[in-house]
PDB file of N, CA and C in Angstrom:
ATOM      1  N   MET A   1     164.890 136.136 178.369  1.00  0.00           N
ATOM      2  CA  MET A   1     164.217 135.420 178.641  1.00  0.00           C
ATOM      3  C   MET A   1     162.766 134.933 178.377  1.00  0.00           C
ATOM      4  N   ASN A   2     162.904 133.285 178.358  1.00  0.00           N
ATOM      5  CA  ASN A   2     161.765 132.599 177.987  1.00  0.00           C
ATOM      6  C   ASN A   2     160.538 133.245 178.727  1.00  0.00           C
ATOM      7  N   ASP A   3     159.308 133.484 178.053  1.00  0.00           N
ATOM      8  CA  ASP A   3     158.093 134.035 178.952  1.00  0.00           C
ATOM      9  C   ASP A   3     157.547 133.151 179.699  1.00  0.00           C
ATOM     10  N   ILE A   4     157.261 131.662 179.261  1.00  0.00           N
ATOM     11  CA  ILE A   4     156.872 130.213 179.402  1.00  0.00           C
ATOM     12  C   ILE A   4     157.716 130.012 180.920  1.00  0.00           C
ATOM     13  N   ASP A   5     156.575 129.709 181.846  1.00  0.00           N
ATOM     14  CA  ASP A   5     157.181 129.242 183.018  1.00  0.00           C
ATOM     15  C   ASP A   5     156.489 128.184 183.705  1.00  0.00           C
ATOM     16  N   LEU A   6     156.998 126.898 183.631  1.00  0.00           N
ATOM     17  CA  LEU A   6     156.745 125.709 184.084  1.00  0.00           C
ATOM     18  C   LEU A   6     156.773 124.959 185.464  1.00  0.00           C
ATOM     19  N   ARG A   7     156.737 126.107 186.348  1.00  0.00           N
ATOM     20  CA  ARG A   7     156.950 125.756 187.744  1.00  0.00           C
ATOM     21  C   ARG A   7     155.711 125.600 188.183  1.00  0.00           C
ATOM     22  N   ARG A   8     155.058 124.224 189.053  1.00  0.00           N
ATOM     23  CA  ARG A   8     154.031 124.462 189.376  1.00  0.00           C
ATOM     24  C   ARG A   8     153.768 124.872 191.206  1.00  0.00           C
ATOM     25  N   PRO A   9     152.442 125.799 191.348  1.00  0.00           N
ATOM     26  CA  PRO A   9     152.607 126.082 192.547  1.00  0.00           C
ATOM     27  C   PRO A   9     151.817 125.042 193.251  1.00  0.00           C
ATOM     28  N   VAL A  10     151.848 125.126 194.566  1.00  0.00           N
ATOM     29  CA  VAL A  10     150.991 123.774 195.294  1.00  0.00           C
ATOM     30  C   VAL A  10     151.137 124.727 196.965  1.00  0.00           C
ATOM     31  N   HIS A  11     149.750 124.353 197.406  1.00  0.00           N
ATOM     32  CA  HIS A  11     149.309 124.930 198.416  1.00  0.00           C
ATOM     33  C   HIS A  11     150.150 124.703 199.388  1.00  0.00           C
ATOM     34  N   HIS A  12     150.990 125.271 200.511  1.00  0.00           N
ATOM     35  CA  HIS A  12     152.092 125.343 201.390  1.00  0.00           C
ATOM     36  C   HIS A  12     151.192 124.101 202.325  1.00  0.00           C
ATOM     37  N   SER A  13     152.124 122.762 203.147  1.00  0.00           N
ATOM     38  CA  SER A  13     151.659 122.504 203.928  1.00  0.00           C
ATOM     39  C   SER A  13     150.580 122.894 204.848  1.00  0.00           C
ATOM     40  N   SER A  14     151.288 124.048 205.490  1.00  0.00           N
ATOM     41  CA  SER A  14     150.827 124.357 206.846  1.00  0.00           C
ATOM     42  C   SER A  14     149.505 125.128 206.744  1.00  0.00           C
ATOM     43  N   THR A  15     149.211 125.605 205.551  1.00  0.00           N
ATOM     44  CA  THR A  15     147.786 126.751 205.359  1.00  0.00           C
ATOM     45  C   THR A  15     146.725 126.158 205.007  1.00  0.00           C
ATOM     46  N   ALA A  16     145.430 126.621 205.426  1.00  0.00           N
ATOM     47  CA  ALA A  16     144.226 126.272 205.197  1.00  0.00           C
ATOM     48  C   ALA A  16     143.552 127.147 204.965  1.00  0.00           C
ATOM     49  N   SER A  17     142.410 126.658 204.153  1.00  0.00           N
ATOM     50  CA  SER A  17     141.806 127.510 202.941  1.00  0.00           C
ATOM     51  C   SER A  17     140.525 127.395 202.876  1.00  0.00           C
ATOM     52  N   ARG A  18     139.504 128.327 202.468  1.00  0.00           N
ATOM     53  CA  ARG A  18     138.509 127.895 201.992  1.00  0.00           C
ATOM     54  C   ARG A  18     137.614 129.158 201.201  1.00  0.00           C
ATOM     55  N   VAL A  19     137.051 128.551 200.032  1.00  0.00           N
ATOM     56  CA  VAL A  19     136.876 129.037 198.753  1.00  0.00           C
ATOM     57  C   VAL A  19     135.479 129.450 199.317  1.00  0.00           C
ATOM     58  N   PHE A  20     134.664 130.678 199.081  1.00  0.00           N
ATOM     59  CA  PHE A  20     132.968 131.085 199.165  1.00  0.00           C
ATOM     60  C   PHE A  20     132.788 131.758 198.175  1.00  0.00           C
ATOM     61  N   GLY A  21     132.151 131.603 197.514  1.00  0.00           N
ATOM     62  CA  GLY A  21     132.163 131.694 195.560  1.00  0.00           C
ATOM     63  C   GLY A  21     132.988 131.946 195.118  1.00  0.00           C
ATOM     64  N   SER A  22     134.040 132.993 194.567  1.00  0.00           N
ATOM     65  CA  SER A  22     134.529 133.587 194.042  1.00  0.00           C
ATOM     66  C   SER A  22     135.683 134.293 195.066  1.00  0.00           C
ATOM     67  N   ASP A  23     135.275 134.330 196.498  1.00  0.00           N
ATOM     68  CA  ASP A  23     136.750 134.506 197.227  1.00  0.00           C
ATOM     69  C   ASP A  23     137.396 133.340 197.866  1.00  0.00           C
ATOM     70  N   ALA A  24     138.321 133.483 198.186  1.00  0.00           N
ATOM     71  CA  ALA A  24     138.971 132.616 198.948  1.00  0.00           C
ATOM     72  C   ALA A  24     139.435 133.171 199.851  1.00  0.00           C
ATOM     73  N   VAL A  25     139.658 132.560 201.480  1.00  0.00           N
ATOM     74  CA  VAL A  25     140.209 132.913 202.547  1.00  0.00           C
ATOM     75  C   VAL A  25     140.882 131.889 202.998  1.00  0.00           C
ATOM     76  N   VAL A  26     142.355 132.242 203.150  1.00  0.00           N
ATOM     77  CA  VAL A  26     143.445 131.458 203.457  1.00  0.00           C
ATOM     78  C   VAL A  26     144.478 131.993 204.541  1.00  0.00           C
ATOM     79  N   ILE A  27     144.574 130.964 205.417  1.00  0.00           N
ATOM     80  CA  ILE A  27     144.769 131.092 206.993  1.00  0.00           C
ATOM     81  C   ILE A  27     146.258 130.962 207.042  1.00  0.00           C
ATOM     82  N   SER A  28     147.173 131.123 207.274  1.00  0.00           N
ATOM     83  CA  SER A  28     148.542 130.969 207.532  1.00  0.00           C
ATOM     84  C   SER A  28     149.168 131.223 208.915  1.00  0.00           C
ATOM     85  N   PRO A  29     149.068 129.768 209.639  1.00  0.00           N
ATOM     86  CA  PRO A  29     149.538 129.648 210.839  1.00  0.00           C
ATOM     87  C   PRO A  29     150.780 130.309 211.228  1.00  0.00           C
ATOM     88  N   ALA A  30     151.612 129.739 210.713  1.00  0.00           N
ATOM     89  CA  ALA A  30     153.422 130.608 210.839  1.00  0.00           C
ATOM     90  C   ALA A  30     152.903 132.097 210.914  1.00  0.00           C
ATOM     91  N   GLU A  31     151.828 132.914 210.254  1.00  0.00           N
ATOM     92  CA  GLU A  31     151.875 134.530 209.940  1.00  0.00           C
ATOM     93  C   GLU A  31     150.669 134.499 211.371  1.00  0.00           C
ATOM     94  N   ASN A  32     150.268 134.157 212.095  1.00  0.00           N
ATOM     95  CA  ASN A  32     148.670 134.180 212.445  1.00  0.00           C
ATOM     96  C   ASN A  32     148.290 135.129 211.944  1.00  0.00           C
ATOM     97  N   MET A  33     148.013 134.906 210.500  1.00  0.00           N
ATOM     98  CA  MET A  33     146.966 135.816 209.608  1.00  0.00           C
ATOM     99  C   MET A  33     146.141 135.118 208.665  1.00  0.00           C
ATOM    100  N   VAL A  34     145.069 135.709 208.110  1.00  0.00           N
ATOM    101  CA  VAL A  34     143.846 135.245 208.017  1.00  0.00           C
ATOM    102  C   VAL A  34     143.347 136.193 206.211  1.00  0.00           C
ATOM    103  N   ARG A  35     143.674 135.394 205.068  1.00  0.00           N
ATOM    104  CA  ARG A  35     143.897 136.492 204.202  1.00  0.00           C
ATOM    105  C   ARG A  35     142.685 136.320 203.363  1.00  0.00           C
ATOM    106  N   MET A  36     142.077 137.318 202.959  1.00  0.00           N
ATOM    107  CA  MET A  36     141.174 137.174 202.021  1.00  0.00           C
ATOM    108  C   MET A  36     141.102 137.646 200.434  1.00  0.00           C
ATOM    109  N   LEU A  37     141.512 136.497 199.506  1.00  0.00           N
ATOM    110  CA  LEU A  37     141.769 137.242 198.077  1.00  0.00           C
ATOM    111  C   LEU A  37     140.140 137.225 196.989  1.00  0.00           C
ATOM    112  N   ASN A  38     141.384 138.141 196.813  1.00  0.00           N
ATOM    113  CA  ASN A  38     140.016 139.044 195.832  1.00  0.00           C
ATOM    114  C   ASN A  38     139.436 137.559 194.461  1.00  0.00           C
ATOM    115  N   PRO A  39     138.605 137.727 193.561  1.00  0.00           N
ATOM    116  CA  PRO A  39     138.432 136.900 192.513  1.00  0.00           C
ATOM    117  C   PRO A  39     139.182 136.440 191.910  1.00  0.00           C
ATOM    118  N   VAL A  40     140.464 137.293 191.351  1.00  0.00           N
ATOM    119  CA  VAL A  40     141.361 136.996 190.158  1.00  0.00           C
ATOM    120  C   VAL A  40     142.424 136.103 191.215  1.00  0.00           C
ATOM    121  N   GLY A  41     142.770 136.577 192.499  1.00  0.00           N
ATOM    122  CA  GLY A  41     143.657 135.624 192.992  1.00  0.00           C
ATOM    123  C   GLY A  41     142.521 134.606 193.501  1.00  0.00           C
ATOM    124  N   SER A  42     141.560 134.653 193.871  1.00  0.00           N
ATOM    125  CA  SER A  42     141.333 133.032 194.565  1.00  0.00           C
ATOM    126  C   SER A  42     141.285 132.002 193.308  1.00  0.00           C
ATOM    127  N   ARG A  43     141.004 132.351 192.506  1.00  0.00           N
ATOM    128  CA  ARG A  43     141.230 131.558 191.132  1.00  0.00           C
ATOM    129  C   ARG A  43     142.599 131.093 191.164  1.00  0.00           C
ATOM    130  N   ILE A  44     143.475 131.991 190.879  1.00  0.00           N
ATOM    131  CA  ILE A  44     144.613 131.477 191.023  1.00  0.00           C
ATOM    132  C   ILE A  44     145.540 130.546 192.562  1.00  0.00           C
ATOM    133  N   TRP A  45     144.666 130.644 193.748  1.00  0.00           N
ATOM    134  CA  TRP A  45     144.947 130.320 194.229  1.00  0.00           C
ATOM    135  C   TRP A  45     144.131 128.657 194.166  1.00  0.00           C
ATOM    136  N   GLN A  46     143.003 128.364 193.158  1.00  0.00           N
ATOM    137  CA  GLN A  46     142.559 127.478 192.784  1.00  0.00           C
ATOM    138  C   GLN A  46     143.428 126.786 192.119  1.00  0.00           C
ATOM    139  N   LEU A  47     143.655 127.519 191.497  1.00  0.00           N
ATOM    140  CA  LEU A  47     144.455 126.490 189.981  1.00  0.00           C
ATOM    141  C   LEU A  47     145.804 126.091 190.639  1.00  0.00           C
ATOM    142  N   ALA A  48     146.526 126.776 191.543  1.00  0.00           N
ATOM    143  CA  ALA A  48     147.889 125.972 192.199  1.00  0.00           C
ATOM    144  C   ALA A  48     147.397 124.595 192.876  1.00  0.00           C
ATOM    145  N   ASN A  49     147.509 123.900 192.402  1.00  0.00           N
ATOM    146  CA  ASN A  49     146.913 123.048 193.043  1.00  0.00           C
ATOM    147  C   ASN A  49     148.433 121.292 192.619  1.00  0.00           C
ATOM    148  N   GLY A  50     149.783 122.079 192.244  1.00  0.00           N
ATOM    149  CA  GLY A  50     150.425 121.166 191.945  1.00  0.00           C
ATOM    150  C   GLY A  50     150.114 120.716 190.442  1.00  0.00           C
ATOM    151  N   THR A  51     149.458 120.835 190.042  1.00  0.00           N
ATOM    152  CA  THR A  51     149.223 120.546 188.455  1.00  0.00           C
ATOM    153  C   THR A  51     149.594 120.974 187.179  1.00  0.00           C
ATOM    154  N   ASN A  52     149.276 122.287 187.781  1.00  0.00           N
ATOM    155  CA  ASN A  52     149.050 123.478 186.575  1.00  0.00           C
ATOM    156  C   ASN A  52     150.377 124.183 186.915  1.00  0.00           C
ATOM    157  N   SER A  53     150.915 124.591 185.879  1.00  0.00           N
ATOM    158  CA  SER A  53     152.140 125.451 185.990  1.00  0.00           C
ATOM    159  C   SER A  53     151.290 126.887 185.546  1.00  0.00           C
ATOM    160  N   LEU A  54     152.882 127.804 185.956  1.00  0.00           N
ATOM    161  CA  LEU A  54     152.269 129.308 186.259  1.00  0.00           C
ATOM    162  C   LEU A  54     151.175 129.864 184.419  1.00  0.00           C
ATOM    163  N   GLU A  55     152.393 128.966 183.706  1.00  0.00           N
ATOM    164  CA  GLU A  55     152.125 129.118 182.028  1.00  0.00           C
ATOM    165  C   GLU A  55     150.308 128.445 181.772  1.00  0.00           C
ATOM    166  N   ASP A  56     150.206 127.313 182.944  1.00  0.00           N
ATOM    167  CA  ASP A  56     148.999 127.031 182.481  1.00  0.00           C
ATOM    168  C   ASP A  56     148.020 127.692 183.169  1.00  0.00           C
ATOM    169  N   ILE A  57     148.452 128.482 184.026  1.00  0.00           N
ATOM    170  CA  ILE A  57     147.273 129.364 184.927  1.00  0.00           C
ATOM    171  C   ILE A  57     147.117 130.535 184.348  1.00  0.00           C
ATOM    172  N   ALA A  58     148.176 131.333 183.621  1.00  0.00           N
ATOM    173  CA  ALA A  58     148.353 132.699 182.628  1.00  0.00           C
ATOM    174  C   ALA A  58     146.875 132.351 181.663  1.00  0.00           C
ATOM    175  N   VAL A  59     147.190 131.082 181.078  1.00  0.00           N
ATOM    176  CA  VAL A  59     146.262 131.195 180.113  1.00  0.00           C
ATOM    177  C   VAL A  59     144.804 130.485 180.409  1.00  0.00           C
ATOM    178  N   ILE A  60     144.454 129.874 181.361  1.00  0.00           N
ATOM    179  CA  ILE A  60     143.377 129.667 182.118  1.00  0.00           C
ATOM    180  C   ILE A  60     142.660 131.389 182.059  1.00  0.00           C
ATOM    181  N   LEU A  61     143.406 132.085 182.715  1.00  0.00           N
ATOM    182  CA  LEU A  61     143.239 133.106 183.717  1.00  0.00           C
ATOM    183  C   LEU A  61     142.571 134.373 181.846  1.00  0.00           C
ATOM    184  N   THR A  62     143.435 133.452 181.156  1.00  0.00           N
ATOM    185  CA  THR A  62     142.440 134.364 179.743  1.00  0.00           C
ATOM    186  C   THR A  62     141.615 134.287 179.488  1.00  0.00           C
ATOM    187  N   GLN A  63     141.241 133.073 179.628  1.00  0.00           N
ATOM    188  CA  GLN A  63     139.678 132.194 179.192  1.00  0.00           C
ATOM    189  C   GLN A  63     138.860 132.988 180.471  1.00  0.00           C
ATOM    190  N   GLU A  64     138.935 133.273 181.371  1.00  0.00           N
ATOM    191  CA  GLU A  64     137.938 133.018 182.183  1.00  0.00           C
ATOM    192  C   GLU A  64     137.836 134.839 182.747  1.00  0.00           C
ATOM    193  N   PHE A  65     138.706 135.748 182.485  1.00  0.00           N
ATOM    194  CA  PHE A  65     138.834 137.328 182.290  1.00  0.00           C
ATOM    195  C   PHE A  65     139.331 137.909 181.450  1.00  0.00           C
ATOM    196  N   GLU A  66     139.368 139.426 181.364  1.00  0.00           N
ATOM    197  CA  GLU A  66     139.513 139.966 180.234  1.00  0.00           C
ATOM    198  C   GLU A  66     140.765 140.517 180.538  1.00  0.00           C
ATOM    199  N   VAL A  67     141.813 139.650 180.229  1.00  0.00           N
ATOM    200  CA  VAL A  67     143.314 139.866 180.456  1.00  0.00           C
ATOM    201  C   VAL A  67     143.901 139.409 179.271  1.00  0.00           C
ATOM    202  N   GLU A  68     144.853 139.843 178.362  1.00  0.00           N
ATOM    203  CA  GLU A  68     145.875 139.341 177.251  1.00  0.00           C
ATOM    204  C   GLU A  68     147.133 138.222 178.583  1.00  0.00           C
ATOM    205  N   LEU A  69     147.448 137.635 177.340  1.00  0.00           N
ATOM    206  CA  LEU A  69     148.318 136.394 178.058  1.00  0.00           C
ATOM    207  C   LEU A  69     149.426 137.500 178.511  1.00  0.00           C
ATOM    208  N   PRO A  70     150.231 138.091 178.220  1.00  0.00           N
ATOM    209  CA  PRO A  70     151.227 138.539 178.443  1.00  0.00           C
ATOM    210  C   PRO A  70     151.023 139.345 180.031  1.00  0.00           C
ATOM    211  N   HIS A  71     150.350 140.099 180.062  1.00  0.00           N
ATOM    212  CA  HIS A  71     149.702 140.999 181.360  1.00  0.00           C
ATOM    213  C   HIS A  71     149.360 139.427 182.121  1.00  0.00           C
ATOM    214  N   ALA A  72     148.677 138.601 182.482  1.00  0.00           N
ATOM    215  CA  ALA A  72     148.413 137.341 182.923  1.00  0.00           C
ATOM    216  C   ALA A  72     149.757 136.596 183.258  1.00  0.00           C
ATOM    217  N   ARG A  73     150.796 136.150 182.234  1.00  0.00           N
ATOM    218  CA  ARG A  73     151.863 135.654 182.814  1.00  0.00           C
ATOM    219  C   ARG A  73     152.329 136.878 184.347  1.00  0.00           C
ATOM    220  N   GLN A  74     152.765 138.130 183.622  1.00  0.00           N
ATOM    221  CA  GLN A  74     153.311 138.540 184.572  1.00  0.00           C
ATOM    222  C   GLN A  74     152.940 138.619 186.350  1.00  0.00           C
ATOM    223  N   SER A  75     150.968 138.895 185.927  1.00  0.00           N
ATOM    224  CA  SER A  75     150.442 139.061 186.899  1.00  0.00           C
ATOM    225  C   SER A  75     150.712 137.707 187.646  1.00  0.00           C
ATOM    226  N   VAL A  76     150.458 136.534 187.432  1.00  0.00           N
ATOM    227  CA  VAL A  76     150.237 135.126 188.070  1.00  0.00           C
ATOM    228  C   VAL A  76     151.830 135.167 188.631  1.00  0.00           C
ATOM    229  N   ALA A  77     152.660 135.079 188.063  1.00  0.00           N
ATOM    230  CA  ALA A  77     154.398 135.327 188.495  1.00  0.00           C
ATOM    231  C   ALA A  77     154.695 135.592 189.599  1.00  0.00           C
ATOM    232  N   GLY A  78     154.016 137.192 189.444  1.00  0.00           N
ATOM    233  CA  GLY A  78     154.473 137.733 190.768  1.00  0.00           C
ATOM    234  C   GLY A  78     153.400 137.682 191.964  1.00  0.00           C
ATOM    235  N   PHE A  79     151.958 137.315 191.321  1.00  0.00           N
ATOM    236  CA  PHE A  79     151.426 136.760 192.777  1.00  0.00           C
ATOM    237  C   PHE A  79     151.894 135.695 193.676  1.00  0.00           C
ATOM    238  N   VAL A  80     151.920 134.773 192.693  1.00  0.00           N
ATOM    239  CA  VAL A  80     152.770 133.079 193.540  1.00  0.00           C
ATOM    240  C   VAL A  80     153.859 133.437 194.059  1.00  0.00           C
ATOM    241  N   GLU A  81     154.715 134.189 193.464  1.00  0.00           N
ATOM    242  CA  GLU A  81     155.807 134.612 194.238  1.00  0.00           C
ATOM    243  C   GLU A  81     155.863 135.005 195.606  1.00  0.00           C
ATOM    244  N   ASP A  82     154.977 135.947 195.531  1.00  0.00           N
ATOM    245  CA  ASP A  82     154.619 136.821 196.670  1.00  0.00           C
ATOM    246  C   ASP A  82     154.073 135.750 198.029  1.00  0.00           C
ATOM    247  N   LEU A  83     153.089 134.899 197.344  1.00  0.00           N
ATOM    248  CA  LEU A  83     152.090 133.918 198.255  1.00  0.00           C
ATOM    249  C   LEU A  83     153.677 132.438 198.559  1.00  0.00           C
ATOM    250  N   VAL A  84     154.508 132.274 197.889  1.00  0.00           N
ATOM    251  CA  VAL A  84     155.201 131.527 197.859  1.00  0.00           C
ATOM    252  C   VAL A  84     156.537 132.229 199.088  1.00  0.00           C
ATOM    253  N   GLU A  85     156.839 133.260 199.040  1.00  0.00           N
ATOM    254  CA  GLU A  85     157.828 134.304 200.183  1.00  0.00           C
ATOM    255  C   GLU A  85     156.907 134.331 201.741  1.00  0.00           C
ATOM    256  N   ARG A  86     155.576 134.606 201.591  1.00  0.00           N
ATOM    257  CA  ARG A  86     154.569 134.285 202.743  1.00  0.00           C
ATOM    258  C   ARG A  86     154.627 133.041 202.907  1.00  0.00           C
ATOM    259  N   ASP A  87     155.007 131.785 202.503  1.00  0.00           N
ATOM    260  CA  ASP A  87     154.841 130.048 202.652  1.00  0.00           C
ATOM    261  C   ASP A  87     153.375 130.023 202.710  1.00  0.00           C
ATOM    262  N   LEU A  88     152.842 130.769 201.806  1.00  0.00           N
ATOM    263  CA  LEU A  88     151.400 130.169 201.760  1.00  0.00           C
ATOM    264  C   LEU A  88     151.219 128.910 200.441  1.00  0.00           C
ATOM    265  N   LEU A  89     152.099 129.107 199.264  1.00  0.00           N
ATOM    266  CA  LEU A  89     152.384 128.186 198.556  1.00  0.00           C
ATOM    267  C   LEU A  89     154.175 128.117 198.150  1.00  0.00           C
ATOM    268  N   GLU A  90     153.785 126.440 197.474  1.00  0.00           N
ATOM    269  CA  GLU A  90     155.586 126.325 197.583  1.00  0.00           C
ATOM    270  C   GLU A  90     155.487 125.401 196.107  1.00  0.00           C
ATOM    271  N   TRP A  91     156.762 125.370 195.636  1.00  0.00           N
ATOM    272  CA  TRP A  91     156.639 124.675 194.522  1.00  0.00           C
ATOM    273  C   TRP A  91     156.582 123.105 194.643  1.00  0.00           C
ATOM    274  N   SER A  92     155.812 122.871 193.949  1.00  0.00           N
ATOM    275  CA  SER A  92     155.936 121.197 193.550  1.00  0.00           C
ATOM    276  C   SER A  92     157.130 120.437 192.866  1.00  0.00           C
ATOM    277  N   GLU A  93     157.322 119.676 193.695  1.00  0.00           N
ATOM    278  CA  GLU A  93     158.600 118.665 193.389  1.00  0.00           C
ATOM    279  C   GLU A  93     158.011 117.697 192.418  1.00  0.00           C
ATOM    280  N   SER A  94     157.499 117.333 192.421  1.00  0.00           N
ATOM    281  CA  SER A  94     156.767 116.087 191.195  1.00  0.00           C
ATOM    282  C   SER A  94     156.476 116.832 189.854  1.00  0.00           C
TER     283      SER A  94
END
């Protein structure tokens, strides 16, 4: 399998969020839950804008945090997939 993932996540239209410093708060009306993301999760959230691919996000994380690219790819993919399953993120169509 190719390690490069070019899918582009974007915030789900039903979510609301706010970033405070290095932490993001994400509100999911569907689940009636508020989630506080850690600094890495918050950075992924900020980068999930429909423009950046999972690969782009992983590369940026290697530049901003002490993480190797293979681990960043795995972590980003797992985290984003979890948020997609929870309807907090979705895949950009464009």
